[in-house]
Structure formats: C-alpha cells, structure tokens
Amino acid sequence: MKNSVVKLVSDSSQAIPREQQLSVISTITMQMLDKAKENDWQAVIDLESKRTALIAEFFRIPVSDREASAVAHYINKVLMVDKQLIELGDKQCHHFRESLQKINHGKRALKVYNTDRY
C-alpha cells in the first residue's frame, strides 16, 4: 500500500475517487504516527506536507450529504492520530529542552572550571 500511496501523491494529475482520497489521507496520517514513534520527525514533516495538499484537494469540492458520514469518520480518525502526534511532539520537545539544559549546565561548569584554573 505504501508504494501506491506515494504514486497517488506524486501523480497529482491522476483523478482519485473521493473515497480513495480519504483512504490515502488516512494512510499517510498513520505513516506520520509511525515515523513520529521512530523519532523520524523530518519524515513526519514531509508526510504532513503531502497530506495537507491532499486534504486541500479533497475539500476543493464540497462534501455531499451522501459523503458526510464517511468524511466525518475520517476526520475523527485523523484528529485522534493528530492528538497522538502532538503528544509525541511535546515529549520530544521536552527531551530536547532537557538536553539543552544539560549542555548549558556543562558549558557553565566548564567556564567556571576554566576561570578558576587561570
């Protein structure tokens, strides 16, 4: 499925049925979550860019009454995964913050050590 998603995303001239567009958006969203769990944030960013383009393309045509239920289902699914992505991103930011604080403490200690030595 992954290769077919990439093909659908890369070939924007290909007309994709609306239900399949929702499926592709959902698949990309799950790939984003997988990459976030692997701490591959560049891949998450790249996938988000593709997903955003697909979402914009999908909603270029108004949602019909017949599609509303399926669209609502996919929107809820994407929002739930996005919440998980935000939580993982927050944890990663917290980890980076802690690492930067340790580096700063180390720099200060080194500066004090060098000042006292000379």
N, C-alpha and C. Protein backbone atom coordinates (compact mmCIF):
# COMPACT_ATOMS: atom_id res chain seq x y z
N MET A 1 0.83 -1.20 0.00
CA MET A 1 0.00 0.00 0.00
C MET A 1 0.87 1.25 0.00
N LYS A 2 2.03 1.17 0.66
CA LYS A 2 2.88 2.35 0.79
C LYS A 2 3.27 2.89 -0.59
N ASN A 3 3.70 2.00 -1.52
CA ASN A 3 4.10 2.46 -2.84
C ASN A 3 2.93 3.06 -3.61
N SER A 4 1.74 2.49 -3.45
CA SER A 4 0.58 3.04 -4.14
C SER A 4 0.22 4.42 -3.59
N VAL A 5 0.42 4.62 -2.28
CA VAL A 5 0.16 5.94 -1.69
C VAL A 5 1.13 6.96 -2.27
N VAL A 6 2.39 6.59 -2.34
CA VAL A 6 3.39 7.51 -2.89
C VAL A 6 3.06 7.84 -4.33
N LYS A 7 2.66 6.83 -5.13
CA LYS A 7 2.29 7.06 -6.52
C LYS A 7 1.10 8.00 -6.61
N LEU A 8 0.08 7.78 -5.79
CA LEU A 8 -1.09 8.65 -5.84
C LEU A 8 -0.74 10.08 -5.45
N VAL A 9 0.12 10.23 -4.47
CA VAL A 9 0.50 11.56 -4.02
C VAL A 9 1.37 12.25 -5.05
N SER A 10 2.29 11.50 -5.65
CA SER A 10 3.23 12.13 -6.58
C SER A 10 2.60 12.44 -7.94
N ASP A 11 1.53 11.73 -8.30
CA ASP A 11 0.88 11.95 -9.59
C ASP A 11 -0.40 12.73 -9.39
N SER A 12 -0.25 14.04 -9.22
CA SER A 12 -1.40 14.88 -8.91
C SER A 12 -2.36 15.01 -10.09
N SER A 13 -1.93 14.63 -11.29
CA SER A 13 -2.82 14.74 -12.45
C SER A 13 -3.81 13.58 -12.48
N GLN A 14 -3.55 12.53 -11.73
CA GLN A 14 -4.42 11.35 -11.72
C GLN A 14 -5.67 11.65 -10.89
N ALA A 15 -6.82 11.38 -11.47
CA ALA A 15 -8.07 11.59 -10.75
C ALA A 15 -8.28 10.42 -9.80
N ILE A 16 -8.35 10.72 -8.52
CA ILE A 16 -8.51 9.70 -7.50
C ILE A 16 -9.95 9.77 -6.99
N PRO A 17 -10.66 8.64 -6.95
CA PRO A 17 -12.02 8.66 -6.38
C PRO A 17 -11.99 9.22 -4.96
N ARG A 18 -13.05 9.92 -4.59
CA ARG A 18 -13.07 10.63 -3.29
C ARG A 18 -12.90 9.69 -2.11
N GLU A 19 -13.51 8.53 -2.15
CA GLU A 19 -13.35 7.58 -1.04
C GLU A 19 -11.89 7.14 -0.94
N GLN A 20 -11.25 6.96 -2.07
CA GLN A 20 -9.85 6.57 -2.07
C GLN A 20 -8.97 7.72 -1.58
N GLN A 21 -9.35 8.96 -1.90
CA GLN A 21 -8.61 10.10 -1.38
C GLN A 21 -8.62 10.08 0.15
N LEU A 22 -9.77 9.81 0.74
CA LEU A 22 -9.87 9.73 2.20
C LEU A 22 -8.99 8.61 2.74
N SER A 23 -8.97 7.50 2.06
CA SER A 23 -8.16 6.37 2.48
C SER A 23 -6.67 6.71 2.42
N VAL A 24 -6.27 7.40 1.37
CA VAL A 24 -4.86 7.80 1.23
C VAL A 24 -4.49 8.79 2.35
N ILE A 25 -5.36 9.74 2.63
CA ILE A 25 -5.11 10.70 3.70
C ILE A 25 -4.96 9.97 5.03
N SER A 26 -5.81 9.00 5.27
CA SER A 26 -5.75 8.20 6.49
C SER A 26 -4.45 7.40 6.56
N THR A 27 -4.06 6.80 5.45
CA THR A 27 -2.82 6.02 5.40
C THR A 27 -1.61 6.90 5.68
N ILE A 28 -1.57 8.05 5.07
CA ILE A 28 -0.46 8.98 5.31
C ILE A 28 -0.43 9.41 6.77
N THR A 29 -1.59 9.64 7.34
CA THR A 29 -1.68 10.02 8.75
C THR A 29 -1.09 8.93 9.64
N MET A 30 -1.40 7.68 9.35
CA MET A 30 -0.86 6.57 10.13
C MET A 30 0.65 6.44 9.92
N GLN A 31 1.12 6.71 8.71
CA GLN A 31 2.56 6.70 8.44
C GLN A 31 3.25 7.79 9.25
N MET A 32 2.60 8.93 9.37
CA MET A 32 3.15 10.02 10.17
C MET A 32 3.31 9.58 11.63
N LEU A 33 2.31 8.89 12.15
CA LEU A 33 2.38 8.40 13.52
C LEU A 33 3.50 7.39 13.68
N ASP A 34 3.63 6.49 12.74
CA ASP A 34 4.72 5.50 12.79
C ASP A 34 6.08 6.19 12.79
N LYS A 35 6.24 7.18 11.93
CA LYS A 35 7.52 7.90 11.85
C LYS A 35 7.78 8.70 13.12
N ALA A 36 6.73 9.26 13.71
CA ALA A 36 6.90 10.01 14.97
C ALA A 36 7.36 9.07 16.07
N LYS A 37 6.79 7.88 16.10
CA LYS A 37 7.20 6.90 17.11
C LYS A 37 8.65 6.48 16.92
N GLU A 38 9.15 6.56 15.69
CA GLU A 38 10.54 6.24 15.38
C GLU A 38 11.44 7.47 15.55
N ASN A 39 10.87 8.59 15.97
CA ASN A 39 11.57 9.88 16.10
C ASN A 39 12.14 10.36 14.77
N ASP A 40 11.49 10.02 13.68
CA ASP A 40 11.89 10.49 12.36
C ASP A 40 11.00 11.69 12.01
N TRP A 41 11.31 12.81 12.65
CA TRP A 41 10.45 13.99 12.53
C TRP A 41 10.52 14.64 11.16
N GLN A 42 11.64 14.47 10.46
CA GLN A 42 11.72 15.02 9.10
C GLN A 42 10.73 14.29 8.19
N ALA A 43 10.61 12.97 8.37
CA ALA A 43 9.64 12.20 7.58
C ALA A 43 8.22 12.63 7.93
N VAL A 44 7.97 12.91 9.21
CA VAL A 44 6.64 13.39 9.63
C VAL A 44 6.32 14.70 8.93
N ILE A 45 7.27 15.59 8.89
CA ILE A 45 7.08 16.90 8.24
C ILE A 45 6.82 16.72 6.74
N ASP A 46 7.60 15.84 6.10
CA ASP A 46 7.42 15.60 4.67
C ASP A 46 6.04 15.00 4.38
N LEU A 47 5.64 14.02 5.20
CA LEU A 47 4.33 13.40 5.02
C LEU A 47 3.21 14.40 5.28
N GLU A 48 3.40 15.26 6.28
CA GLU A 48 2.37 16.26 6.59
C GLU A 48 2.16 17.21 5.41
N SER A 49 3.24 17.55 4.75
CA SER A 49 3.14 18.43 3.58
C SER A 49 2.29 17.75 2.49
N LYS A 50 2.53 16.48 2.24
CA LYS A 50 1.74 15.74 1.25
C LYS A 50 0.29 15.62 1.69
N ARG A 51 0.10 15.33 2.98
CA ARG A 51 -1.26 15.17 3.50
C ARG A 51 -2.04 16.48 3.39
N THR A 52 -1.40 17.58 3.72
CA THR A 52 -2.06 18.88 3.64
C THR A 52 -2.52 19.17 2.21
N ALA A 53 -1.67 18.85 1.24
CA ALA A 53 -2.05 19.06 -0.16
C ALA A 53 -3.24 18.19 -0.55
N LEU A 54 -3.23 16.95 -0.08
CA LEU A 54 -4.35 16.05 -0.40
C LEU A 54 -5.65 16.50 0.27
N ILE A 55 -5.55 16.97 1.50
CA ILE A 55 -6.74 17.46 2.20
C ILE A 55 -7.30 18.68 1.49
N ALA A 56 -6.43 19.59 1.08
CA ALA A 56 -6.88 20.79 0.36
C ALA A 56 -7.55 20.40 -0.95
N GLU A 57 -6.96 19.43 -1.64
CA GLU A 57 -7.54 18.97 -2.90
C GLU A 57 -8.90 18.32 -2.66
N PHE A 58 -9.00 17.51 -1.61
CA PHE A 58 -10.26 16.84 -1.31
C PHE A 58 -11.37 17.85 -1.04
N PHE A 59 -11.09 18.84 -0.22
CA PHE A 59 -12.13 19.79 0.18
C PHE A 59 -12.33 20.92 -0.83
N ARG A 60 -11.63 20.85 -1.96
CA ARG A 60 -11.87 21.79 -3.04
C ARG A 60 -13.29 21.59 -3.59
N ILE A 61 -13.75 20.35 -3.49
CA ILE A 61 -15.12 20.01 -3.90
C ILE A 61 -15.94 19.85 -2.62
N PRO A 62 -17.05 20.54 -2.51
CA PRO A 62 -17.86 20.42 -1.29
C PRO A 62 -18.28 18.97 -1.01
N VAL A 63 -18.36 18.64 0.25
CA VAL A 63 -18.77 17.31 0.67
C VAL A 63 -20.28 17.18 0.48
N SER A 64 -20.70 16.12 -0.19
CA SER A 64 -22.13 15.89 -0.41
C SER A 64 -22.76 15.28 0.84
N ASP A 65 -24.07 15.34 0.90
CA ASP A 65 -24.79 14.71 2.02
C ASP A 65 -24.49 13.21 2.08
N ARG A 66 -24.36 12.60 0.94
CA ARG A 66 -24.08 11.16 0.85
C ARG A 66 -22.70 10.84 1.42
N GLU A 67 -21.75 11.74 1.27
CA GLU A 67 -20.37 11.52 1.74
C GLU A 67 -20.16 11.93 3.20
N ALA A 68 -21.06 12.71 3.73
CA ALA A 68 -20.84 13.35 5.03
C ALA A 68 -20.44 12.38 6.14
N SER A 69 -21.10 11.26 6.23
CA SER A 69 -20.81 10.30 7.29
C SER A 69 -19.40 9.73 7.17
N ALA A 70 -19.03 9.33 5.97
CA ALA A 70 -17.68 8.77 5.75
C ALA A 70 -16.62 9.83 6.00
N VAL A 71 -16.87 11.05 5.54
CA VAL A 71 -15.91 12.14 5.75
C VAL A 71 -15.75 12.43 7.24
N ALA A 72 -16.86 12.46 7.97
CA ALA A 72 -16.80 12.70 9.41
C ALA A 72 -15.99 11.61 10.10
N HIS A 73 -16.17 10.36 9.68
CA HIS A 73 -15.40 9.26 10.24
C HIS A 73 -13.90 9.47 10.03
N TYR A 74 -13.52 9.80 8.81
CA TYR A 74 -12.10 10.02 8.51
C TYR A 74 -11.55 11.23 9.24
N ILE A 75 -12.32 12.28 9.34
CA ILE A 75 -11.87 13.47 10.07
C ILE A 75 -11.61 13.12 11.52
N ASN A 76 -12.52 12.39 12.14
CA ASN A 76 -12.33 11.99 13.54
C ASN A 76 -11.09 11.12 13.71
N LYS A 77 -10.88 10.21 12.78
CA LYS A 77 -9.71 9.34 12.82
C LYS A 77 -8.42 10.16 12.72
N VAL A 78 -8.38 11.09 11.78
CA VAL A 78 -7.21 11.94 11.60
C VAL A 78 -6.98 12.81 12.84
N LEU A 79 -8.04 13.35 13.40
CA LEU A 79 -7.90 14.19 14.60
C LEU A 79 -7.37 13.39 15.79
N MET A 80 -7.80 12.15 15.93
CA MET A 80 -7.30 11.31 17.02
C MET A 80 -5.81 11.02 16.86
N VAL A 81 -5.40 10.73 15.64
CA VAL A 81 -3.98 10.47 15.38
C VAL A 81 -3.18 11.76 15.55
N ASP A 82 -3.73 12.88 15.08
CA ASP A 82 -3.03 14.16 15.25
C ASP A 82 -2.81 14.47 16.72
N LYS A 83 -3.77 14.13 17.56
CA LYS A 83 -3.60 14.33 19.01
C LYS A 83 -2.41 13.52 19.52
N GLN A 84 -2.29 12.29 19.05
CA GLN A 84 -1.15 11.46 19.44
C GLN A 84 0.16 12.05 18.92
N LEU A 85 0.12 12.57 17.70
CA LEU A 85 1.32 13.20 17.12
C LEU A 85 1.75 14.40 17.96
N ILE A 86 0.78 15.19 18.37
CA ILE A 86 1.09 16.37 19.20
C ILE A 86 1.70 15.94 20.52
N GLU A 87 1.14 14.90 21.13
CA GLU A 87 1.69 14.40 22.40
C GLU A 87 3.12 13.91 22.22
N LEU A 88 3.38 13.17 21.14
CA LEU A 88 4.74 12.69 20.88
C LEU A 88 5.68 13.87 20.61
N GLY A 89 5.19 14.85 19.88
CA GLY A 89 6.00 16.04 19.61
C GLY A 89 6.32 16.81 20.87
N ASP A 90 5.34 16.92 21.76
CA ASP A 90 5.57 17.60 23.04
C ASP A 90 6.62 16.87 23.86
N LYS A 91 6.55 15.54 23.88
CA LYS A 91 7.56 14.75 24.61
C LYS A 91 8.94 14.96 24.01
N GLN A 92 9.01 15.00 22.68
CA GLN A 92 10.29 15.20 22.02
C GLN A 92 10.84 16.60 22.34
N CYS A 93 9.97 17.60 22.34
CA CYS A 93 10.41 18.96 22.69
C CYS A 93 10.92 19.01 24.12
N HIS A 94 10.23 18.33 25.03
CA HIS A 94 10.65 18.27 26.43
C HIS A 94 12.03 17.62 26.53
N HIS A 95 12.23 16.54 25.77
CA HIS A 95 13.52 15.85 25.76
C HIS A 95 14.62 16.78 25.24
N PHE A 96 14.34 17.51 24.16
CA PHE A 96 15.32 18.46 23.61
C PHE A 96 15.64 19.56 24.62
N ARG A 97 14.59 20.05 25.28
CA ARG A 97 14.79 21.09 26.29
C ARG A 97 15.72 20.61 27.41
N GLU A 98 15.48 19.38 27.89
CA GLU A 98 16.33 18.81 28.93
C GLU A 98 17.76 18.65 28.44
N SER A 99 17.92 18.21 27.22
CA SER A 99 19.27 18.05 26.66
C SER A 99 19.99 19.38 26.56
N LEU A 100 19.26 20.41 26.11
CA LEU A 100 19.87 21.74 26.01
C LEU A 100 20.25 22.29 27.39
N GLN A 101 19.41 22.03 28.39
CA GLN A 101 19.73 22.47 29.74
C GLN A 101 20.99 21.79 30.24
N LYS A 102 21.14 20.50 29.97
CA LYS A 102 22.34 19.78 30.38
C LYS A 102 23.57 20.35 29.68
N ILE A 103 23.43 20.66 28.42
CA ILE A 103 24.56 21.26 27.68
C ILE A 103 24.93 22.61 28.29
N ASN A 104 23.90 23.42 28.58
CA ASN A 104 24.17 24.73 29.18
C ASN A 104 24.81 24.60 30.55
N HIS A 105 24.36 23.63 31.36
CA HIS A 105 24.98 23.41 32.67
C HIS A 105 26.44 23.01 32.49
N GLY A 106 26.68 22.16 31.51
CA GLY A 106 28.05 21.74 31.22
C GLY A 106 28.92 22.90 30.79
N LYS A 107 28.38 23.77 29.94
CA LYS A 107 29.14 24.94 29.49
C LYS A 107 29.47 25.85 30.67
N ARG A 108 28.48 26.06 31.54
CA ARG A 108 28.73 26.91 32.71
C ARG A 108 29.77 26.30 33.63
N ALA A 109 29.69 24.99 33.83
CA ALA A 109 30.67 24.31 34.69
C ALA A 109 32.06 24.42 34.08
N LEU A 110 32.14 24.23 32.76
CA LEU A 110 33.43 24.34 32.09
C LEU A 110 33.98 25.75 32.19
N LYS A 111 33.11 26.74 32.05
CA LYS A 111 33.53 28.14 32.14
C LYS A 111 34.04 28.44 33.55
N VAL A 112 33.32 27.98 34.56
CA VAL A 112 33.75 28.19 35.95
C VAL A 112 35.08 27.48 36.18
N TYR A 113 35.20 26.26 35.69
CA TYR A 113 36.44 25.49 35.87
C TYR A 113 37.60 26.21 35.20
N ASN A 114 37.41 26.68 33.97
CA ASN A 114 38.49 27.38 33.26
C ASN A 114 38.82 28.70 33.92
N THR A 115 37.83 29.41 34.45
CA THR A 115 38.07 30.69 35.13
C THR A 115 38.86 30.47 36.41
N ASP A 116 38.54 29.43 37.15
CA ASP A 116 39.24 29.14 38.40
C ASP A 116 40.66 28.65 38.16
N ARG A 117 40.92 28.00 37.06
CA ARG A 117 42.24 27.44 36.78
C ARG A 117 43.22 28.52 36.41
N TYR A 118 42.78 29.59 35.81
CA TYR A 118 43.73 30.60 35.29
C TYR A 118 43.61 31.87 36.03
